[in-house]
Protein backbone atom coordinates (compact mmCIF):
# COMPACT_ATOMS: atom_id res chain seq x y z
CA UNK A 1 76.21 107.84 86.33
CA UNK A 2 78.39 110.89 86.04
CA UNK A 3 81.76 111.43 87.60
CA UNK A 4 83.09 114.77 88.68
CA UNK A 5 86.48 115.93 89.90
CA UNK A 6 87.02 119.07 91.90
CA UNK A 7 88.07 122.14 90.00
CA UNK A 8 90.93 122.70 92.44
CA UNK A 9 92.71 119.67 91.01
CA UNK A 10 92.32 120.97 87.47
CA UNK A 11 93.62 124.39 88.47
CA UNK A 12 96.56 122.81 90.26
CA UNK A 13 97.30 120.72 87.18
CA UNK A 14 97.40 123.85 85.04
CA UNK A 15 99.84 125.53 87.42
CA UNK A 16 102.00 122.48 88.18
CA UNK A 17 102.73 120.09 85.29
CA UNK A 18 103.65 117.39 87.81
CA UNK A 19 100.06 117.39 89.13
CA UNK A 20 98.47 116.17 85.89
CA UNK A 21 96.16 113.19 86.11
CA UNK A 22 97.89 111.45 83.20
CA UNK A 23 101.63 110.92 82.67
CA UNK A 24 103.09 113.40 80.19
CA UNK A 25 104.43 111.99 76.92
CA UNK A 26 108.10 111.16 76.97
CA UNK A 27 110.43 112.99 74.56
CA UNK A 28 111.86 111.34 71.50
CA UNK A 29 115.18 109.56 72.19
CA UNK A 30 118.11 111.47 70.71
CA UNK A 31 121.88 111.44 70.85
CA UNK A 32 122.88 113.07 74.13
CA UNK A 33 126.68 113.03 74.07
CA UNK A 34 128.15 116.16 75.76
CA UNK A 35 124.65 117.31 76.68
CA UNK A 36 125.16 117.96 80.39
CA UNK A 37 128.90 117.45 80.84
CA UNK A 38 130.97 118.84 77.97
CA UNK A 39 134.57 117.96 77.12
CA UNK A 40 136.04 120.60 79.44
CA UNK A 41 133.93 119.43 82.39
CA UNK A 42 134.92 115.83 81.76
CA UNK A 43 138.59 116.77 81.67
CA UNK A 44 138.29 118.53 85.01
CA UNK A 45 136.55 115.52 86.52
CA UNK A 46 139.22 113.24 85.13
CA UNK A 47 141.90 115.16 87.02
CA UNK A 48 140.25 114.79 90.41
CA UNK A 49 142.15 112.49 92.78
CA UNK A 50 139.73 112.01 95.72
CA UNK A 51 136.08 111.31 96.19
CA UNK A 52 135.41 114.55 98.06
CA UNK A 53 137.08 116.58 95.33
CA UNK A 54 135.04 114.80 92.65
CA UNK A 55 131.75 115.34 94.49
CA UNK A 56 132.49 119.00 95.06
CA UNK A 57 133.37 119.61 91.41
CA UNK A 58 130.39 117.55 90.22
CA UNK A 59 127.99 119.60 92.36
CA UNK A 60 129.49 122.78 90.87
CA UNK A 61 129.16 121.56 87.28
CA UNK A 62 125.55 120.34 87.71
CA UNK A 63 124.44 123.40 89.69
CA UNK A 64 123.62 121.46 92.86
CA UNK A 65 123.64 122.87 96.37
CA UNK A 66 125.39 121.39 99.35
CA UNK A 67 124.01 118.01 100.56
CA UNK A 68 123.23 119.50 103.98
CA UNK A 69 121.01 122.17 102.42
CA UNK A 70 118.90 120.04 100.05
CA UNK A 71 118.23 116.34 100.36
CA UNK A 72 117.12 116.07 96.74
CA UNK A 73 120.35 117.58 95.49
CA UNK A 74 122.22 115.15 97.73
CA UNK A 75 120.39 112.23 96.08
CA UNK A 76 121.21 113.51 92.59
CA UNK A 77 124.83 114.03 93.56
CA UNK A 78 125.10 110.45 94.82
CA UNK A 79 123.48 109.21 91.61
CA UNK A 80 126.03 110.87 89.33
CA UNK A 81 128.96 110.16 91.59
CA UNK A 82 128.27 106.41 91.50
CA UNK A 83 127.76 106.61 87.72
CA UNK A 84 131.19 108.23 87.28
CA UNK A 85 132.74 105.56 89.50
CA UNK A 86 131.12 102.83 87.38
CA UNK A 87 132.42 104.39 84.16
CA UNK A 88 135.96 104.53 85.55
CA UNK A 89 135.75 100.88 86.57
CA UNK A 90 134.59 99.93 83.06
CA UNK A 91 137.36 101.97 81.44
CA UNK A 92 134.99 104.17 79.41
CA UNK A 93 136.28 107.13 77.45
CA UNK A 94 135.31 110.72 78.17
CA UNK A 95 132.65 110.63 75.43
CA UNK A 96 131.17 107.41 76.79
CA UNK A 97 131.22 108.68 80.38
CA UNK A 98 129.49 111.91 79.40
CA UNK A 99 126.86 109.92 77.47
CA UNK A 100 126.16 107.57 80.38
CA UNK A 101 125.64 110.54 82.71
CA UNK A 102 123.38 112.22 80.13
CA UNK A 103 121.25 109.08 79.64
CA UNK A 104 120.90 108.72 83.40
CA UNK A 105 119.86 112.37 83.68
CA UNK A 106 117.23 111.91 80.93
CA UNK A 107 115.89 108.84 82.70
CA UNK A 108 115.67 110.73 85.99
CA UNK A 109 113.73 113.56 84.33
CA UNK A 110 111.28 111.09 82.81
CA UNK A 111 110.76 109.43 86.19
CA UNK A 112 110.16 112.65 88.14
CA UNK A 113 107.98 114.26 85.46
CA UNK A 114 104.85 112.76 87.05
CA UNK A 115 103.91 111.23 90.40
CA UNK A 116 102.02 108.47 88.62
CA UNK A 117 103.55 105.12 87.87
CA UNK A 118 105.40 105.01 84.53
CA UNK A 119 108.18 102.49 85.11
CA UNK A 120 107.47 100.56 81.91
CA UNK A 121 107.45 103.72 79.79
CA UNK A 122 110.72 104.87 81.38
CA UNK A 123 112.37 101.51 80.71
CA UNK A 124 111.36 101.61 77.06
CA UNK A 125 112.63 105.18 76.82
CA UNK A 126 115.98 104.22 78.36
CA UNK A 127 116.31 101.23 76.00
CA UNK A 128 115.74 103.56 73.05
CA UNK A 129 118.47 105.85 74.37
CA UNK A 130 120.85 102.90 74.50
CA UNK A 131 120.10 102.00 70.88
CA UNK A 132 120.72 105.62 69.87
CA UNK A 133 124.32 105.16 71.01
CA UNK A 134 124.91 101.58 69.88
CA UNK A 135 123.95 101.53 66.19
CA UNK A 136 125.57 103.55 63.42
CA UNK A 137 122.69 105.29 61.68
CA UNK A 138 123.45 109.00 61.46
CA UNK A 139 121.93 111.43 62.25
CA UNK A 140 119.58 109.33 64.40
CA UNK A 141 122.13 107.12 66.19
CA UNK A 142 125.84 106.48 66.48
CA UNK A 143 127.91 103.44 67.41
CA UNK A 144 129.53 104.88 70.52
CA UNK A 145 129.27 101.70 72.65
CA UNK A 146 130.00 98.12 71.83
CA UNK A 147 127.50 95.40 72.52
CA UNK A 148 129.07 94.22 75.78
CA UNK A 149 129.35 97.83 76.96
CA UNK A 150 125.68 98.42 76.27
CA UNK A 151 124.80 95.32 78.28
CA UNK A 152 126.99 96.49 81.17
CA UNK A 153 125.31 99.93 81.20
CA UNK A 154 121.86 98.36 81.04
CA UNK A 155 122.59 96.00 83.93
CA UNK A 156 124.02 98.83 86.02
CA UNK A 157 120.99 101.11 85.52
CA UNK A 158 118.50 98.29 86.14
CA UNK A 159 120.23 97.19 89.35
CA UNK A 160 120.61 100.73 90.71
CA UNK A 161 118.01 103.16 89.39
CA UNK A 162 115.12 100.90 88.40
CA UNK A 163 115.51 98.81 91.53
CA UNK A 164 114.82 101.99 93.56
CA UNK A 165 112.45 103.54 91.04
CA UNK A 166 109.62 104.10 93.53
CA UNK A 167 111.99 105.67 96.03
CA UNK A 168 113.17 108.22 93.47
CA UNK A 169 109.56 108.96 92.53
CA UNK A 170 108.56 109.35 96.17
CA UNK A 171 111.44 111.72 96.90
CA UNK A 172 111.11 113.95 93.80
CA UNK A 173 107.37 114.07 93.05
CA UNK A 174 104.45 115.59 94.99
CA UNK A 175 101.81 113.50 96.69
CA UNK A 176 98.66 112.92 94.65
CA UNK A 177 95.17 112.96 96.17
CA UNK A 178 92.12 112.56 93.93
CA UNK A 179 88.77 113.83 95.24
CA UNK A 180 86.10 111.97 93.24
CA UNK A 181 82.35 112.56 93.55
CA UNK A 182 79.63 110.40 91.97
CA UNK A 183 76.24 111.76 90.86
CA UNK A 184 73.43 109.33 90.04
CA UNK A 185 70.86 110.65 87.57
CA UNK A 186 67.25 110.35 88.75
CA UNK A 187 68.01 110.03 92.47
CA UNK A 188 67.82 112.62 95.19
CA UNK A 189 71.16 114.01 96.33
CA UNK A 190 72.38 112.40 99.57
CA UNK A 191 71.93 114.36 102.78
CA UNK A 192 74.93 115.62 104.61
CA UNK A 193 75.78 114.04 107.93
CA UNK A 194 74.82 117.14 109.92
CA UNK A 195 71.44 117.49 108.18
CA UNK A 196 70.69 113.80 108.68
CA UNK A 197 71.51 114.07 112.39
CA UNK A 198 69.22 117.10 112.80
CA UNK A 199 66.33 115.30 111.07
CA UNK A 200 66.76 112.27 113.33
CA UNK A 201 66.72 114.48 116.45
CA UNK A 202 63.55 116.21 115.22
CA UNK A 203 61.84 112.84 114.67
CA UNK A 204 62.80 111.71 118.16
CA UNK A 205 61.41 114.91 119.70
CA UNK A 206 58.14 114.48 117.74
CA UNK A 207 57.81 110.85 118.82
CA UNK A 208 58.32 111.63 122.55
CA UNK A 209 54.83 113.23 123.23
CA UNK A 210 53.09 110.35 121.42
CA UNK A 211 54.92 107.81 123.57
CA UNK A 212 53.91 109.71 126.72
CA UNK A 213 50.24 109.66 125.63
CA UNK A 214 50.41 105.91 125.04
CA UNK A 215 51.92 105.41 128.47
CA UNK A 216 49.13 107.40 130.13
CA UNK A 217 46.48 105.43 128.24
CA UNK A 218 48.06 102.07 129.16
CA UNK A 219 48.12 102.69 132.92
CA UNK A 220 47.21 99.63 135.09
CA UNK A 221 43.74 99.21 136.59
CA UNK A 222 43.25 100.90 139.89
CA UNK A 223 42.33 98.91 142.92
CA UNK A 224 38.69 99.08 144.16
CA UNK A 225 38.03 102.15 146.21
CA UNK A 226 36.19 102.51 149.50
CA UNK A 227 32.94 103.08 147.57
CA UNK A 228 33.17 99.62 146.03
CA UNK A 229 33.77 98.13 149.46
CA UNK A 230 30.72 99.90 150.80
CA UNK A 231 28.70 98.71 147.80
CA UNK A 232 29.69 95.14 148.61
CA UNK A 233 28.47 95.51 152.17
CA UNK A 234 25.16 96.96 151.01
CA UNK A 235 24.73 94.10 148.54
CA UNK A 236 25.33 91.61 151.35
CA UNK A 237 22.67 93.32 153.50
CA UNK A 238 20.24 93.36 150.57
CA UNK A 239 20.86 89.63 150.08
CA UNK A 240 19.60 88.94 153.60
CA UNK A 241 16.40 90.86 152.92
CA UNK A 242 15.68 88.98 149.64
CA UNK A 243 14.15 85.51 149.61
CA UNK A 244 16.34 82.45 149.92
CA UNK A 245 19.18 83.36 147.50
CA UNK A 246 22.40 82.65 149.36
CA UNK A 247 25.61 84.27 148.25
CA UNK A 248 28.89 84.63 150.01
CA UNK A 249 30.98 87.74 149.37
CA UNK A 250 34.47 86.64 148.25
CA UNK A 251 37.33 87.29 150.59
CA UNK A 252 40.60 88.25 148.91
CA UNK A 253 42.40 91.16 147.37
CA UNK A 254 40.60 94.28 146.29
CA UNK A 255 41.29 93.58 142.61
CA UNK A 256 39.61 90.15 142.98
CA UNK A 257 36.56 91.62 144.75
CA UNK A 258 35.79 94.19 142.03
CA UNK A 259 33.96 91.89 139.52
CA UNK A 260 31.98 90.14 142.29
CA UNK A 261 30.75 93.35 143.84
CA UNK A 262 29.60 94.67 140.45
CA UNK A 263 27.72 91.43 139.67
CA UNK A 264 26.05 91.39 143.09
CA UNK A 265 24.99 95.00 142.62
CA UNK A 266 23.24 94.12 139.38
CA UNK A 267 21.52 91.11 141.05
CA UNK A 268 20.34 93.27 143.92
CA UNK A 269 18.67 95.67 141.50
CA UNK A 270 17.09 92.73 139.69
CA UNK A 271 15.73 91.17 142.88
CA UNK A 272 14.37 94.46 144.12
CA UNK A 273 12.32 94.92 140.94
CA UNK A 274 11.10 91.35 140.61
CA UNK A 275 10.85 89.59 144.01
CA UNK A 276 8.91 86.55 142.69
CA UNK A 277 11.59 85.88 140.05
CA UNK A 278 14.21 86.18 142.73
CA UNK A 279 12.35 83.60 144.84
CA UNK A 280 12.07 81.26 141.85
CA UNK A 281 15.77 81.53 141.08
CA UNK A 282 16.61 81.06 144.73
CA UNK A 283 14.65 77.81 144.91
CA UNK A 284 15.94 76.45 141.57
CA UNK A 285 19.59 77.50 142.05
CA UNK A 286 20.08 76.19 145.54
CA UNK A 287 23.88 75.67 145.70
CA UNK A 288 25.42 78.83 147.15
CA UNK A 289 28.47 80.63 145.76
CA UNK A 290 31.68 79.67 147.56
CA UNK A 291 34.04 82.19 149.06
CA UNK A 292 37.28 82.83 147.21
CA UNK A 293 40.36 83.07 149.40
C-alpha cells in the first residue's frame, strides 16, 4: 500500500514554514538577558506609574499595534503586561525582569512555530532556558536567579502560559488540513461517485426491456372464447348420435369448461372413427360423468 499527499500541501509548506507536516527543531537554549528589552527600555518601564501608561509604552517597545487593530497583538501585550506585573510583585531586578520577558518571548515563538502539538518539547525548552540563568557556567549559563526565584518563575509560566497552551496555538497558528489518498497495488482504481451513478442508471435502462418481455410472456391464461363454447355444443350433439356413452357437459366458469371441452372434442373424433370401440367403452364404462357446478 502506498500513501500519497497532495502536492499543494508540499508547495504550501515550502512557502509557509508554519505549514510543515513536522514540528521544526527548537533552537539551542542560550542566555537571553537584554535580548528584547534592553536597559534603557527597562528604565523607561520602571518609571511608568499607571497600567495604561505601561501598556502603551510596552506596545511601543515591542512594535505592537493597538489592541483594537490586531487581536494577536492584544494577546501578546496582555502576556507581557502580566509578566511585568509578576516581576514587580516578586521584587526582581531590571536584569531579571528583562530575562523573564525574554524567556517568555522565546517560549511563545516555539509554541507558534508550528500548528502541530509540541507542548512537551516547549516545556523541555523552557526548562533549559531556566537552567541557563540559574547555574554559573560561563559562557553557557549564569547564576542570575536563585533557586526559589526559578521555582516561582516556573510556577508562574506553567499556571499561565502552559495552562492555555492550546489557546495560544489556536490563535497564532494556521489551521491544518491533511488530504491523504491511499493506492492499493494490484487493484483497480475506485470509480468516482458520478461514474458509478451513470453505470447504475445504464444497467437499469438495459434491464427494463427484459423485464417487459418477461411480463408479456407471463400473462395469465385467457378465458375460453365463443369458438370453444360452440365446440362444446357440437360435442354434446355428437354424443347423442354416438352409441350409449353418456356425458354431461360441466356447468361453471369458462376457465373450468376449457379442459372438458377439449377432452370431449378428442373423444368425439375417436368415436367417429371407431364406432364399435365407442359402443364397447359405452357398455363397459356405464357410470356417466357428473356435472361440475
